[in-house]
Amino acid sequence: MLQATGIQKKFGALHILKGVDLQVNKGEIVAIVGASGAGKSSLLNILGTLDKPDSGQIYIAGTDVSHLGNKQLSHFRNQHIGFIFQFHHLLVEFNALENVCIPAFIAGTPKATAEKKAKELLDILGLSARMDHKPAQLSGGEQQRVAIARALINDPALIFADEPSGNLDSANARDLHELFVRLRNDFNQTFVTVTHNEDLANLSDRKVTMKDGLIVE
């Protein structure tokens, strides 16, 4: 599902990534762990095509994304990649259903089709009674589940999550971690997650440890 080779990235004189190789198989949950400053989030942003490496190649679902132009890359990202961040980044003026539908609307999906899929996802995530609520009316755990539904709406090949439970209490964090496993088991979703949470890392199929811009384990 994901093949990255020789990923390097510098910010000025700072060498953030020093030649990272990573392979992720379809249906796998991979946790990237390591101390702050190890390069985890920088790697995730590059793997997710939000940033470009200085050198190296990235294949996602067989497509070499390293050489796509900005317009092609935006289209590919919308169609094939889902993102879940520490903060949900929901649009406050829209309700849960509308927030989930936004990536589908961007992809050109008809309104009725997008809403049907969004309702199905919100129901799976236990939010069928909350879909008309705006973010301010939802708990932190509910907001993050809406963000997960939004990440899933276009049936992405790969989902990237950056500290997805970092803003949740322990109970909601545990529920979120178990939800990732359930989504993988039920829908064969592939997850690459950056986390400091040992519980999430231990629930993953594989832990990848980074140190000083390299994968060391």
N, C-alpha and C. Protein backbone atom coordinates (compact mmCIF):
# COMPACT_ATOMS: atom_id res chain seq x y z
N MET A 1 0.82 -1.20 0.00
CA MET A 1 0.00 0.00 0.00
C MET A 1 0.86 1.26 0.00
N LEU A 2 1.97 1.22 0.74
CA LEU A 2 2.88 2.36 0.82
C LEU A 2 4.31 1.85 0.73
N GLN A 3 5.09 2.48 -0.15
CA GLN A 3 6.51 2.16 -0.26
C GLN A 3 7.27 3.47 -0.35
N ALA A 4 8.06 3.77 0.67
CA ALA A 4 8.87 4.99 0.69
C ALA A 4 10.34 4.59 0.77
N THR A 5 11.16 5.20 -0.06
CA THR A 5 12.58 4.88 -0.08
C THR A 5 13.41 6.16 -0.13
N GLY A 6 14.43 6.19 0.72
CA GLY A 6 15.42 7.26 0.70
C GLY A 6 14.87 8.64 0.98
N ILE A 7 13.88 8.76 1.88
CA ILE A 7 13.24 10.05 2.14
C ILE A 7 14.17 10.94 2.97
N GLN A 8 14.53 12.08 2.39
CA GLN A 8 15.37 13.06 3.07
C GLN A 8 14.68 14.41 3.08
N LYS A 9 14.88 15.15 4.18
CA LYS A 9 14.29 16.47 4.30
C LYS A 9 15.17 17.34 5.20
N LYS A 10 15.47 18.54 4.71
CA LYS A 10 16.21 19.54 5.49
C LYS A 10 15.37 20.79 5.64
N PHE A 11 15.52 21.43 6.79
CA PHE A 11 14.98 22.77 7.00
C PHE A 11 16.16 23.65 7.36
N GLY A 12 16.63 24.39 6.36
CA GLY A 12 17.86 25.16 6.58
C GLY A 12 19.02 24.21 6.81
N ALA A 13 19.74 24.43 7.90
CA ALA A 13 20.88 23.57 8.22
C ALA A 13 20.46 22.32 8.98
N LEU A 14 19.17 22.24 9.33
CA LEU A 14 18.69 21.12 10.15
C LEU A 14 18.28 19.96 9.25
N HIS A 15 18.93 18.82 9.43
CA HIS A 15 18.65 17.63 8.63
C HIS A 15 17.61 16.80 9.38
N ILE A 16 16.34 16.94 9.00
CA ILE A 16 15.23 16.33 9.75
C ILE A 16 15.10 14.85 9.45
N LEU A 17 15.11 14.48 8.16
CA LEU A 17 14.99 13.08 7.74
C LEU A 17 16.23 12.72 6.93
N LYS A 18 16.83 11.59 7.25
CA LYS A 18 18.17 11.29 6.75
C LYS A 18 18.23 10.03 5.89
N GLY A 19 17.16 9.79 5.15
CA GLY A 19 17.14 8.61 4.29
C GLY A 19 16.26 7.51 4.85
N VAL A 20 14.96 7.80 4.98
CA VAL A 20 14.01 6.88 5.61
C VAL A 20 13.41 5.94 4.56
N ASP A 21 13.40 4.66 4.88
CA ASP A 21 12.73 3.64 4.07
C ASP A 21 11.59 3.05 4.90
N LEU A 22 10.41 2.92 4.29
CA LEU A 22 9.27 2.35 5.01
C LEU A 22 8.33 1.68 4.04
N GLN A 23 7.88 0.49 4.40
CA GLN A 23 6.86 -0.22 3.63
C GLN A 23 5.69 -0.55 4.54
N VAL A 24 4.48 -0.30 4.05
CA VAL A 24 3.27 -0.61 4.81
C VAL A 24 2.36 -1.44 3.91
N ASN A 25 1.88 -2.55 4.42
CA ASN A 25 1.03 -3.45 3.65
C ASN A 25 -0.45 -3.08 3.82
N LYS A 26 -1.26 -3.46 2.85
CA LYS A 26 -2.70 -3.19 2.92
C LYS A 26 -3.29 -3.87 4.15
N GLY A 27 -4.16 -3.15 4.86
CA GLY A 27 -4.80 -3.69 6.03
C GLY A 27 -3.94 -3.70 7.27
N GLU A 28 -2.81 -3.04 7.23
CA GLU A 28 -1.89 -3.02 8.36
C GLU A 28 -2.06 -1.71 9.15
N ILE A 29 -1.91 -1.80 10.47
CA ILE A 29 -1.86 -0.62 11.32
C ILE A 29 -0.41 -0.48 11.80
N VAL A 30 0.23 0.59 11.38
CA VAL A 30 1.63 0.82 11.73
C VAL A 30 1.70 2.07 12.61
N ALA A 31 2.35 1.96 13.75
CA ALA A 31 2.55 3.09 14.65
C ALA A 31 4.00 3.55 14.55
N ILE A 32 4.18 4.84 14.31
CA ILE A 32 5.51 5.43 14.29
C ILE A 32 5.73 6.10 15.64
N VAL A 33 6.74 5.64 16.37
CA VAL A 33 6.99 6.14 17.72
C VAL A 33 8.41 6.68 17.81
N GLY A 34 8.69 7.37 18.91
CA GLY A 34 10.01 7.95 19.12
C GLY A 34 9.90 9.25 19.89
N ALA A 35 11.02 9.74 20.35
CA ALA A 35 11.04 10.97 21.15
C ALA A 35 10.65 12.17 20.29
N SER A 36 10.24 13.25 20.94
CA SER A 36 9.96 14.50 20.23
C SER A 36 11.22 14.94 19.49
N GLY A 37 11.03 15.41 18.26
CA GLY A 37 12.16 15.85 17.47
C GLY A 37 12.81 14.75 16.66
N ALA A 38 12.26 13.53 16.72
CA ALA A 38 12.86 12.42 15.99
C ALA A 38 12.57 12.49 14.49
N GLY A 39 11.54 13.28 14.11
CA GLY A 39 11.18 13.40 12.69
C GLY A 39 9.88 12.71 12.33
N LYS A 40 9.11 12.27 13.32
CA LYS A 40 7.91 11.48 13.07
C LYS A 40 6.86 12.26 12.28
N SER A 41 6.49 13.43 12.77
CA SER A 41 5.45 14.20 12.10
C SER A 41 5.92 14.71 10.74
N SER A 42 7.19 15.05 10.63
CA SER A 42 7.72 15.47 9.33
C SER A 42 7.61 14.33 8.33
N LEU A 43 7.92 13.11 8.77
CA LEU A 43 7.79 11.95 7.89
C LEU A 43 6.34 11.73 7.50
N LEU A 44 5.43 11.82 8.47
CA LEU A 44 4.01 11.59 8.19
C LEU A 44 3.48 12.60 7.17
N ASN A 45 3.87 13.87 7.34
CA ASN A 45 3.42 14.90 6.40
C ASN A 45 3.93 14.63 4.99
N ILE A 46 5.14 14.11 4.87
CA ILE A 46 5.70 13.79 3.56
C ILE A 46 5.02 12.56 2.98
N LEU A 47 4.85 11.52 3.79
CA LEU A 47 4.18 10.31 3.31
C LEU A 47 2.75 10.62 2.87
N GLY A 48 2.10 11.56 3.57
CA GLY A 48 0.73 11.93 3.25
C GLY A 48 0.61 12.98 2.17
N THR A 49 1.74 13.35 1.55
CA THR A 49 1.82 14.30 0.43
C THR A 49 1.49 15.73 0.83
N LEU A 50 1.48 16.02 2.14
CA LEU A 50 1.25 17.40 2.58
C LEU A 50 2.53 18.22 2.46
N ASP A 51 3.66 17.55 2.39
CA ASP A 51 4.95 18.20 2.21
C ASP A 51 5.76 17.36 1.23
N LYS A 52 6.74 17.97 0.61
CA LYS A 52 7.57 17.25 -0.36
C LYS A 52 8.94 16.95 0.23
N PRO A 53 9.49 15.76 -0.04
CA PRO A 53 10.85 15.47 0.42
C PRO A 53 11.86 16.18 -0.47
N ASP A 54 13.06 16.35 0.05
CA ASP A 54 14.15 16.88 -0.78
C ASP A 54 14.63 15.81 -1.76
N SER A 55 14.55 14.56 -1.34
CA SER A 55 14.88 13.45 -2.22
C SER A 55 14.17 12.20 -1.72
N GLY A 56 14.08 11.19 -2.60
CA GLY A 56 13.40 9.95 -2.25
C GLY A 56 12.14 9.76 -3.07
N GLN A 57 11.58 8.57 -2.98
CA GLN A 57 10.38 8.23 -3.74
C GLN A 57 9.31 7.67 -2.81
N ILE A 58 8.05 7.97 -3.17
CA ILE A 58 6.91 7.46 -2.40
C ILE A 58 5.88 6.89 -3.38
N TYR A 59 5.53 5.64 -3.18
CA TYR A 59 4.46 5.00 -3.94
C TYR A 59 3.30 4.72 -2.99
N ILE A 60 2.11 5.14 -3.39
CA ILE A 60 0.90 4.85 -2.63
C ILE A 60 -0.07 4.14 -3.56
N ALA A 61 -0.46 2.94 -3.17
CA ALA A 61 -1.37 2.12 -3.99
C ALA A 61 -0.87 2.03 -5.43
N GLY A 62 0.43 1.92 -5.60
CA GLY A 62 1.03 1.74 -6.91
C GLY A 62 1.31 3.01 -7.69
N THR A 63 0.94 4.17 -7.15
CA THR A 63 1.18 5.44 -7.84
C THR A 63 2.40 6.13 -7.25
N ASP A 64 3.31 6.57 -8.13
CA ASP A 64 4.47 7.33 -7.70
C ASP A 64 4.03 8.77 -7.47
N VAL A 65 3.77 9.11 -6.20
CA VAL A 65 3.26 10.45 -5.89
C VAL A 65 4.37 11.49 -5.86
N SER A 66 5.63 11.04 -5.89
CA SER A 66 6.76 11.96 -5.79
C SER A 66 6.82 12.91 -6.97
N HIS A 67 6.27 12.51 -8.11
CA HIS A 67 6.41 13.30 -9.33
C HIS A 67 5.09 13.87 -9.83
N LEU A 68 4.07 13.86 -8.99
CA LEU A 68 2.79 14.46 -9.38
C LEU A 68 2.85 15.97 -9.21
N GLY A 69 2.25 16.69 -10.14
CA GLY A 69 2.13 18.14 -10.00
C GLY A 69 1.14 18.49 -8.91
N ASN A 70 1.08 19.76 -8.53
CA ASN A 70 0.24 20.18 -7.41
C ASN A 70 -1.24 19.86 -7.63
N LYS A 71 -1.73 20.09 -8.83
CA LYS A 71 -3.15 19.82 -9.11
C LYS A 71 -3.42 18.32 -9.07
N GLN A 72 -2.52 17.54 -9.70
CA GLN A 72 -2.67 16.08 -9.68
C GLN A 72 -2.59 15.55 -8.25
N LEU A 73 -1.67 16.14 -7.48
CA LEU A 73 -1.47 15.69 -6.11
C LEU A 73 -2.70 15.98 -5.24
N SER A 74 -3.27 17.15 -5.42
CA SER A 74 -4.49 17.49 -4.66
C SER A 74 -5.62 16.52 -4.98
N HIS A 75 -5.77 16.19 -6.25
CA HIS A 75 -6.81 15.24 -6.66
C HIS A 75 -6.52 13.85 -6.08
N PHE A 76 -5.27 13.42 -6.15
CA PHE A 76 -4.91 12.10 -5.62
C PHE A 76 -5.16 12.05 -4.11
N ARG A 77 -4.78 13.10 -3.41
CA ARG A 77 -4.95 13.15 -1.96
C ARG A 77 -6.41 13.05 -1.59
N ASN A 78 -7.25 13.79 -2.31
CA ASN A 78 -8.68 13.78 -2.04
C ASN A 78 -9.29 12.41 -2.28
N GLN A 79 -8.80 11.70 -3.30
CA GLN A 79 -9.38 10.42 -3.69
C GLN A 79 -8.84 9.23 -2.91
N HIS A 80 -7.60 9.30 -2.45
CA HIS A 80 -6.93 8.10 -1.96
C HIS A 80 -6.39 8.17 -0.53
N ILE A 81 -6.39 9.36 0.08
CA ILE A 81 -5.76 9.51 1.39
C ILE A 81 -6.75 10.14 2.36
N GLY A 82 -6.77 9.61 3.59
CA GLY A 82 -7.55 10.21 4.67
C GLY A 82 -6.61 10.70 5.76
N PHE A 83 -7.00 11.79 6.42
CA PHE A 83 -6.16 12.36 7.47
C PHE A 83 -6.96 12.51 8.76
N ILE A 84 -6.30 12.15 9.87
CA ILE A 84 -6.86 12.38 11.20
C ILE A 84 -5.76 13.04 12.02
N PHE A 85 -6.06 14.20 12.60
CA PHE A 85 -5.06 14.96 13.34
C PHE A 85 -5.40 14.98 14.83
N GLN A 86 -4.47 15.52 15.63
CA GLN A 86 -4.71 15.62 17.06
C GLN A 86 -5.93 16.49 17.35
N PHE A 87 -6.05 17.58 16.61
CA PHE A 87 -7.22 18.45 16.72
C PHE A 87 -8.12 18.18 15.52
N HIS A 88 -9.41 18.11 15.76
CA HIS A 88 -10.34 17.60 14.76
C HIS A 88 -10.47 18.48 13.52
N HIS A 89 -10.22 19.78 13.66
CA HIS A 89 -10.30 20.71 12.52
C HIS A 89 -11.66 20.65 11.82
N LEU A 90 -12.73 20.48 12.60
CA LEU A 90 -14.07 20.55 12.03
C LEU A 90 -14.45 22.01 11.80
N LEU A 91 -15.26 22.25 10.78
CA LEU A 91 -15.72 23.61 10.50
C LEU A 91 -16.91 23.92 11.40
N VAL A 92 -16.74 24.95 12.24
CA VAL A 92 -17.68 25.18 13.34
C VAL A 92 -19.08 25.56 12.87
N GLU A 93 -19.19 26.12 11.64
CA GLU A 93 -20.50 26.58 11.19
C GLU A 93 -21.34 25.46 10.57
N PHE A 94 -20.73 24.29 10.40
CA PHE A 94 -21.43 23.15 9.80
C PHE A 94 -21.68 22.07 10.84
N ASN A 95 -22.77 21.31 10.66
CA ASN A 95 -23.03 20.22 11.59
C ASN A 95 -22.17 19.00 11.24
N ALA A 96 -22.32 17.94 12.02
CA ALA A 96 -21.47 16.76 11.84
C ALA A 96 -21.64 16.16 10.44
N LEU A 97 -22.88 16.02 10.00
CA LEU A 97 -23.12 15.43 8.68
C LEU A 97 -22.47 16.26 7.57
N GLU A 98 -22.61 17.57 7.65
CA GLU A 98 -22.04 18.45 6.63
C GLU A 98 -20.52 18.39 6.64
N ASN A 99 -19.91 18.35 7.83
CA ASN A 99 -18.46 18.25 7.93
C ASN A 99 -17.94 16.98 7.27
N VAL A 100 -18.65 15.88 7.50
CA VAL A 100 -18.22 14.60 6.93
C VAL A 100 -18.32 14.64 5.41
N CYS A 101 -19.33 15.32 4.89
CA CYS A 101 -19.58 15.34 3.45
C CYS A 101 -18.58 16.18 2.66
N ILE A 102 -17.89 17.10 3.30
CA ILE A 102 -17.09 18.09 2.56
C ILE A 102 -16.08 17.45 1.60
N PRO A 103 -15.26 16.45 2.02
CA PRO A 103 -14.33 15.86 1.04
C PRO A 103 -15.05 15.21 -0.15
N ALA A 104 -16.23 14.65 0.10
CA ALA A 104 -16.99 14.04 -1.00
C ALA A 104 -17.49 15.10 -1.97
N PHE A 105 -17.93 16.24 -1.43
CA PHE A 105 -18.37 17.33 -2.31
C PHE A 105 -17.20 17.83 -3.15
N ILE A 106 -16.03 17.96 -2.54
CA ILE A 106 -14.85 18.40 -3.28
C ILE A 106 -14.53 17.42 -4.41
N ALA A 107 -14.77 16.13 -4.16
CA ALA A 107 -14.51 15.10 -5.18
C ALA A 107 -15.58 15.07 -6.27
N GLY A 108 -16.66 15.87 -6.10
CA GLY A 108 -17.71 15.90 -7.11
C GLY A 108 -18.81 14.88 -6.90
N THR A 109 -18.86 14.29 -5.72
CA THR A 109 -19.90 13.31 -5.43
C THR A 109 -21.26 14.02 -5.30
N PRO A 110 -22.31 13.49 -5.91
CA PRO A 110 -23.63 14.11 -5.76
C PRO A 110 -24.05 14.20 -4.30
N LYS A 111 -24.79 15.25 -3.97
CA LYS A 111 -25.16 15.52 -2.58
C LYS A 111 -25.87 14.34 -1.93
N ALA A 112 -26.82 13.74 -2.61
CA ALA A 112 -27.58 12.64 -2.02
C ALA A 112 -26.68 11.44 -1.74
N THR A 113 -25.77 11.15 -2.67
CA THR A 113 -24.85 10.03 -2.49
C THR A 113 -23.89 10.28 -1.33
N ALA A 114 -23.37 11.50 -1.26
CA ALA A 114 -22.44 11.85 -0.19
C ALA A 114 -23.12 11.77 1.18
N GLU A 115 -24.34 12.30 1.26
CA GLU A 115 -25.05 12.29 2.54
C GLU A 115 -25.40 10.86 2.97
N LYS A 116 -25.77 10.02 2.02
CA LYS A 116 -26.08 8.63 2.35
C LYS A 116 -24.85 7.93 2.94
N LYS A 117 -23.69 8.11 2.30
CA LYS A 117 -22.46 7.49 2.80
C LYS A 117 -22.08 8.08 4.15
N ALA A 118 -22.21 9.40 4.31
CA ALA A 118 -21.86 10.06 5.57
C ALA A 118 -22.73 9.54 6.71
N LYS A 119 -24.02 9.38 6.44
CA LYS A 119 -24.92 8.86 7.48
C LYS A 119 -24.55 7.44 7.87
N GLU A 120 -24.17 6.63 6.89
CA GLU A 120 -23.75 5.26 7.18
C GLU A 120 -22.51 5.25 8.08
N LEU A 121 -21.55 6.11 7.77
CA LEU A 121 -20.32 6.18 8.57
C LEU A 121 -20.61 6.68 9.98
N LEU A 122 -21.41 7.71 10.09
CA LEU A 122 -21.73 8.25 11.42
C LEU A 122 -22.49 7.22 12.24
N ASP A 123 -23.33 6.42 11.59
CA ASP A 123 -24.03 5.35 12.30
C ASP A 123 -23.05 4.29 12.79
N ILE A 124 -22.11 3.89 11.94
CA ILE A 124 -21.09 2.91 12.33
C ILE A 124 -20.28 3.42 13.53
N LEU A 125 -20.04 4.74 13.55
CA LEU A 125 -19.22 5.34 14.61
C LEU A 125 -20.06 5.75 15.82
N GLY A 126 -21.32 5.35 15.84
CA GLY A 126 -22.17 5.61 17.00
C GLY A 126 -22.65 7.04 17.12
N LEU A 127 -22.76 7.74 16.00
CA LEU A 127 -23.12 9.16 16.03
C LEU A 127 -24.40 9.46 15.25
N SER A 128 -25.21 8.45 15.01
CA SER A 128 -26.42 8.67 14.20
C SER A 128 -27.37 9.68 14.85
N ALA A 129 -27.34 9.78 16.18
CA ALA A 129 -28.22 10.72 16.87
C ALA A 129 -27.59 12.10 17.01
N ARG A 130 -26.35 12.26 16.53
CA ARG A 130 -25.64 13.53 16.73
C ARG A 130 -25.29 14.22 15.41
N MET A 131 -25.76 13.68 14.29
CA MET A 131 -25.30 14.18 13.00
C MET A 131 -25.78 15.60 12.70
N ASP A 132 -26.85 16.06 13.37
CA ASP A 132 -27.34 17.43 13.15
C ASP A 132 -26.70 18.43 14.10
N HIS A 133 -25.81 17.96 14.97
CA HIS A 133 -25.18 18.82 15.95
C HIS A 133 -23.91 19.45 15.37
N LYS A 134 -23.66 20.69 15.75
CA LYS A 134 -22.43 21.38 15.35
C LYS A 134 -21.30 20.99 16.33
N PRO A 135 -20.04 21.20 15.92
CA PRO A 135 -18.91 20.76 16.75
C PRO A 135 -18.97 21.21 18.20
N ALA A 136 -19.42 22.44 18.45
CA ALA A 136 -19.46 22.96 19.82
C ALA A 136 -20.45 22.19 20.69
N GLN A 137 -21.37 21.47 20.06
CA GLN A 137 -22.37 20.69 20.80
C GLN A 137 -21.93 19.24 21.02
N LEU A 138 -20.73 18.89 20.56
CA LEU A 138 -20.22 17.52 20.66
C LEU A 138 -19.08 17.45 21.65
N SER A 139 -18.93 16.29 22.28
CA SER A 139 -17.80 16.07 23.18
C SER A 139 -16.52 15.91 22.35
N GLY A 140 -15.38 15.93 23.03
CA GLY A 140 -14.11 15.77 22.34
C GLY A 140 -14.02 14.45 21.58
N GLY A 141 -14.49 13.38 22.22
CA GLY A 141 -14.48 12.07 21.57
C GLY A 141 -15.40 12.02 20.37
N GLU A 142 -16.57 12.68 20.49
CA GLU A 142 -17.51 12.72 19.36
C GLU A 142 -16.94 13.53 18.20
N GLN A 143 -16.30 14.64 18.51
CA GLN A 143 -15.69 15.46 17.47
C GLN A 143 -14.63 14.66 16.71
N GLN A 144 -13.83 13.89 17.44
CA GLN A 144 -12.79 13.12 16.77
C GLN A 144 -13.38 12.01 15.92
N ARG A 145 -14.49 11.44 16.35
CA ARG A 145 -15.15 10.41 15.54
C ARG A 145 -15.76 11.01 14.27
N VAL A 146 -16.26 12.24 14.35
CA VAL A 146 -16.71 12.93 13.14
C VAL A 146 -15.54 13.12 12.19
N ALA A 147 -14.39 13.49 12.74
CA ALA A 147 -13.20 13.68 11.90
C ALA A 147 -12.78 12.36 11.25
N ILE A 148 -12.97 11.25 11.95
CA ILE A 148 -12.65 9.94 11.37
C ILE A 148 -13.61 9.62 10.23
N ALA A 149 -14.90 9.89 10.43
CA ALA A 149 -15.87 9.67 9.36
C ALA A 149 -15.51 10.52 8.14
N ARG A 150 -15.11 11.75 8.38
CA ARG A 150 -14.69 12.63 7.28
C ARG A 150 -13.48 12.03 6.54
N ALA A 151 -12.55 11.45 7.28
CA ALA A 151 -11.37 10.84 6.67
C ALA A 151 -11.74 9.62 5.83
N LEU A 152 -12.86 8.97 6.16
CA LEU A 152 -13.25 7.73 5.49
C LEU A 152 -14.21 7.93 4.32
N ILE A 153 -14.77 9.13 4.17
CA ILE A 153 -15.90 9.34 3.26
C ILE A 153 -15.58 8.98 1.81
N ASN A 154 -14.35 9.18 1.37
CA ASN A 154 -14.00 8.89 -0.02
C ASN A 154 -13.34 7.52 -0.20
N ASP A 155 -13.51 6.64 0.80
CA ASP A 155 -12.93 5.29 0.75
C ASP A 155 -11.43 5.34 0.44
N PRO A 156 -10.66 6.03 1.28
CA PRO A 156 -9.22 6.19 0.99
C PRO A 156 -8.48 4.86 1.08
N ALA A 157 -7.43 4.77 0.28
CA ALA A 157 -6.58 3.59 0.33
C ALA A 157 -5.77 3.55 1.62
N LEU A 158 -5.48 4.73 2.16
CA LEU A 158 -4.54 4.84 3.28
C LEU A 158 -4.97 6.00 4.17
N ILE A 159 -4.91 5.78 5.49
CA ILE A 159 -5.27 6.81 6.44
C ILE A 159 -4.05 7.14 7.30
N PHE A 160 -3.72 8.43 7.36
CA PHE A 160 -2.63 8.91 8.20
C PHE A 160 -3.22 9.60 9.42
N ALA A 161 -2.68 9.29 10.59
CA ALA A 161 -3.18 9.87 11.84
C ALA A 161 -1.99 10.41 12.64
N ASP A 162 -2.03 11.69 12.96
CA ASP A 162 -0.96 12.34 13.71
C ASP A 162 -1.44 12.65 15.12
N GLU A 163 -0.96 11.87 16.09
CA GLU A 163 -1.37 12.00 17.49
C GLU A 163 -2.89 12.08 17.61
N PRO A 164 -3.63 11.11 17.05
CA PRO A 164 -5.08 11.23 16.98
C PRO A 164 -5.78 11.25 18.34
N SER A 165 -5.13 10.69 19.36
CA SER A 165 -5.75 10.67 20.69
C SER A 165 -5.07 11.64 21.65
N GLY A 166 -4.20 12.50 21.12
CA GLY A 166 -3.43 13.39 21.98
C GLY A 166 -4.26 14.43 22.70
N ASN A 167 -5.45 14.71 22.20
CA ASN A 167 -6.31 15.72 22.81
C ASN A 167 -7.51 15.12 23.54
N LEU A 168 -7.45 13.78 23.77
CA LEU A 168 -8.57 13.08 24.39
C LEU A 168 -8.21 12.56 25.77
N ASP A 169 -9.24 12.41 26.63
CA ASP A 169 -8.99 11.77 27.91
C ASP A 169 -8.75 10.28 27.70
N SER A 170 -8.34 9.59 28.75
CA SER A 170 -7.90 8.20 28.61
C SER A 170 -9.01 7.28 28.10
N ALA A 171 -10.25 7.50 28.56
CA ALA A 171 -11.36 6.64 28.15
C ALA A 171 -11.66 6.83 26.66
N ASN A 172 -11.73 8.09 26.22
CA ASN A 172 -11.99 8.34 24.79
C ASN A 172 -10.81 7.91 23.93
N ALA A 173 -9.61 8.04 24.45
CA ALA A 173 -8.43 7.59 23.70
C ALA A 173 -8.48 6.09 23.49
N ARG A 174 -8.84 5.35 24.52
CA ARG A 174 -8.94 3.90 24.40
C ARG A 174 -10.01 3.51 23.39
N ASP A 175 -11.15 4.19 23.44
CA ASP A 175 -12.22 3.90 22.47
C ASP A 175 -11.75 4.18 21.05
N LEU A 176 -11.00 5.26 20.87
CA LEU A 176 -10.50 5.61 19.54
C LEU A 176 -9.54 4.55 19.02
N HIS A 177 -8.65 4.10 19.89
CA HIS A 177 -7.67 3.09 19.48
C HIS A 177 -8.37 1.79 19.06
N GLU A 178 -9.36 1.39 19.85
CA GLU A 178 -10.10 0.17 19.52
C GLU A 178 -10.90 0.35 18.23
N LEU A 179 -11.35 1.58 17.97
CA LEU A 179 -12.08 1.86 16.74
C LEU A 179 -11.18 1.67 15.52
N PHE A 180 -9.93 2.09 15.60
CA PHE A 180 -9.00 1.88 14.50
C PHE A 180 -8.88 0.39 14.17
N VAL A 181 -8.75 -0.41 15.19
CA VAL A 181 -8.62 -1.86 14.98
C VAL A 181 -9.90 -2.42 14.35
N ARG A 182 -11.05 -1.93 14.82
CA ARG A 182 -12.32 -2.41 14.27
C ARG A 182 -12.47 -2.02 12.80
N LEU A 183 -12.10 -0.79 12.47
CA LEU A 183 -12.17 -0.34 11.07
C LEU A 183 -11.25 -1.16 10.19
N ARG A 184 -10.08 -1.48 10.71
CA ARG A 184 -9.17 -2.32 9.94
C ARG A 184 -9.76 -3.70 9.73
N ASN A 185 -10.31 -4.26 10.80
CA ASN A 185 -10.86 -5.61 10.72
C ASN A 185 -12.10 -5.68 9.82
N ASP A 186 -12.96 -4.65 9.90
CA ASP A 186 -14.21 -4.67 9.15
C ASP A 186 -14.06 -4.23 7.70
N PHE A 187 -13.15 -3.27 7.46
CA PHE A 187 -13.07 -2.66 6.13
C PHE A 187 -11.69 -2.79 5.50
N ASN A 188 -10.78 -3.49 6.18
CA ASN A 188 -9.41 -3.67 5.66
C ASN A 188 -8.71 -2.34 5.42
N GLN A 189 -9.02 -1.34 6.28
CA GLN A 189 -8.37 -0.05 6.18
C GLN A 189 -6.91 -0.15 6.61
N THR A 190 -6.08 0.70 6.02
CA THR A 190 -4.66 0.76 6.34
C THR A 190 -4.38 2.06 7.09
N PHE A 191 -3.70 1.97 8.22
CA PHE A 191 -3.42 3.14 9.05
C PHE A 191 -1.92 3.29 9.27
N VAL A 192 -1.44 4.52 9.14
CA VAL A 192 -0.09 4.88 9.58
C VAL A 192 -0.27 6.00 10.60
N THR A 193 0.17 5.73 11.83
CA THR A 193 -0.13 6.62 12.94
C THR A 193 1.15 7.06 13.64
N VAL A 194 1.27 8.35 13.89
CA VAL A 194 2.31 8.88 14.76
C VAL A 194 1.69 9.04 16.14
N THR A 195 2.33 8.48 17.15
CA THR A 195 1.73 8.55 18.48
C THR A 195 2.79 8.47 19.58
N HIS A 196 2.48 9.14 20.70
CA HIS A 196 3.24 8.96 21.93
C HIS A 196 2.49 8.03 22.88
N ASN A 197 1.29 7.61 22.48
CA ASN A 197 0.45 6.80 23.35
C ASN A 197 0.85 5.33 23.23
N GLU A 198 1.34 4.77 24.32
CA GLU A 198 1.81 3.38 24.31
C GLU A 198 0.69 2.40 24.03
N ASP A 199 -0.53 2.70 24.51
CA ASP A 199 -1.66 1.79 24.29
C ASP A 199 -1.96 1.67 22.79
N LEU A 200 -1.99 2.81 22.09
CA LEU A 200 -2.25 2.78 20.65
C LEU A 200 -1.12 2.06 19.93
N ALA A 201 0.11 2.36 20.32
CA ALA A 201 1.26 1.71 19.68
C ALA A 201 1.20 0.20 19.87
N ASN A 202 0.81 -0.24 21.05
CA ASN A 202 0.77 -1.68 21.35
C ASN A 202 -0.40 -2.38 20.66
N LEU A 203 -1.46 -1.65 20.33
CA LEU A 203 -2.59 -2.24 19.59
C LEU A 203 -2.28 -2.38 18.10
N SER A 204 -1.24 -1.68 17.64
CA SER A 204 -0.90 -1.70 16.22
C SER A 204 -0.27 -3.04 15.85
N ASP A 205 -0.28 -3.32 14.55
CA ASP A 205 0.36 -4.55 14.07
C ASP A 205 1.88 -4.47 14.16
N ARG A 206 2.38 -3.22 14.04
CA ARG A 206 3.82 -3.04 14.00
C ARG A 206 4.18 -1.67 14.52
N LYS A 207 5.24 -1.61 15.31
CA LYS A 207 5.77 -0.34 15.79
C LYS A 207 7.07 -0.03 15.05
N VAL A 208 7.17 1.19 14.56
CA VAL A 208 8.38 1.66 13.88
C VAL A 208 8.96 2.78 14.73
N THR A 209 10.18 2.61 15.21
CA THR A 209 10.79 3.59 16.10
C THR A 209 11.74 4.49 15.32
N MET A 210 11.57 5.80 15.51
CA MET A 210 12.45 6.77 14.87
C MET A 210 13.35 7.45 15.90
N LYS A 211 14.56 7.77 15.46
CA LYS A 211 15.52 8.49 16.30
C LYS A 211 16.42 9.30 15.39
N ASP A 212 16.50 10.59 15.65
CA ASP A 212 17.40 11.48 14.90
C ASP A 212 17.22 11.37 13.39
N GLY A 213 15.96 11.32 12.94
CA GLY A 213 15.69 11.37 11.51
C GLY A 213 15.83 10.05 10.79
N LEU A 214 15.94 8.96 11.52
CA LEU A 214 16.09 7.63 10.92
C LEU A 214 15.17 6.64 11.62
N ILE A 215 14.78 5.60 10.88
CA ILE A 215 14.10 4.46 11.52
C ILE A 215 15.17 3.55 12.10
N VAL A 216 15.10 3.33 13.40
CA VAL A 216 16.14 2.55 14.06
C VAL A 216 15.66 1.17 14.49
N GLU A 217 14.34 0.96 14.45
CA GLU A 217 13.80 -0.35 14.89
C GLU A 217 12.46 -0.60 14.24
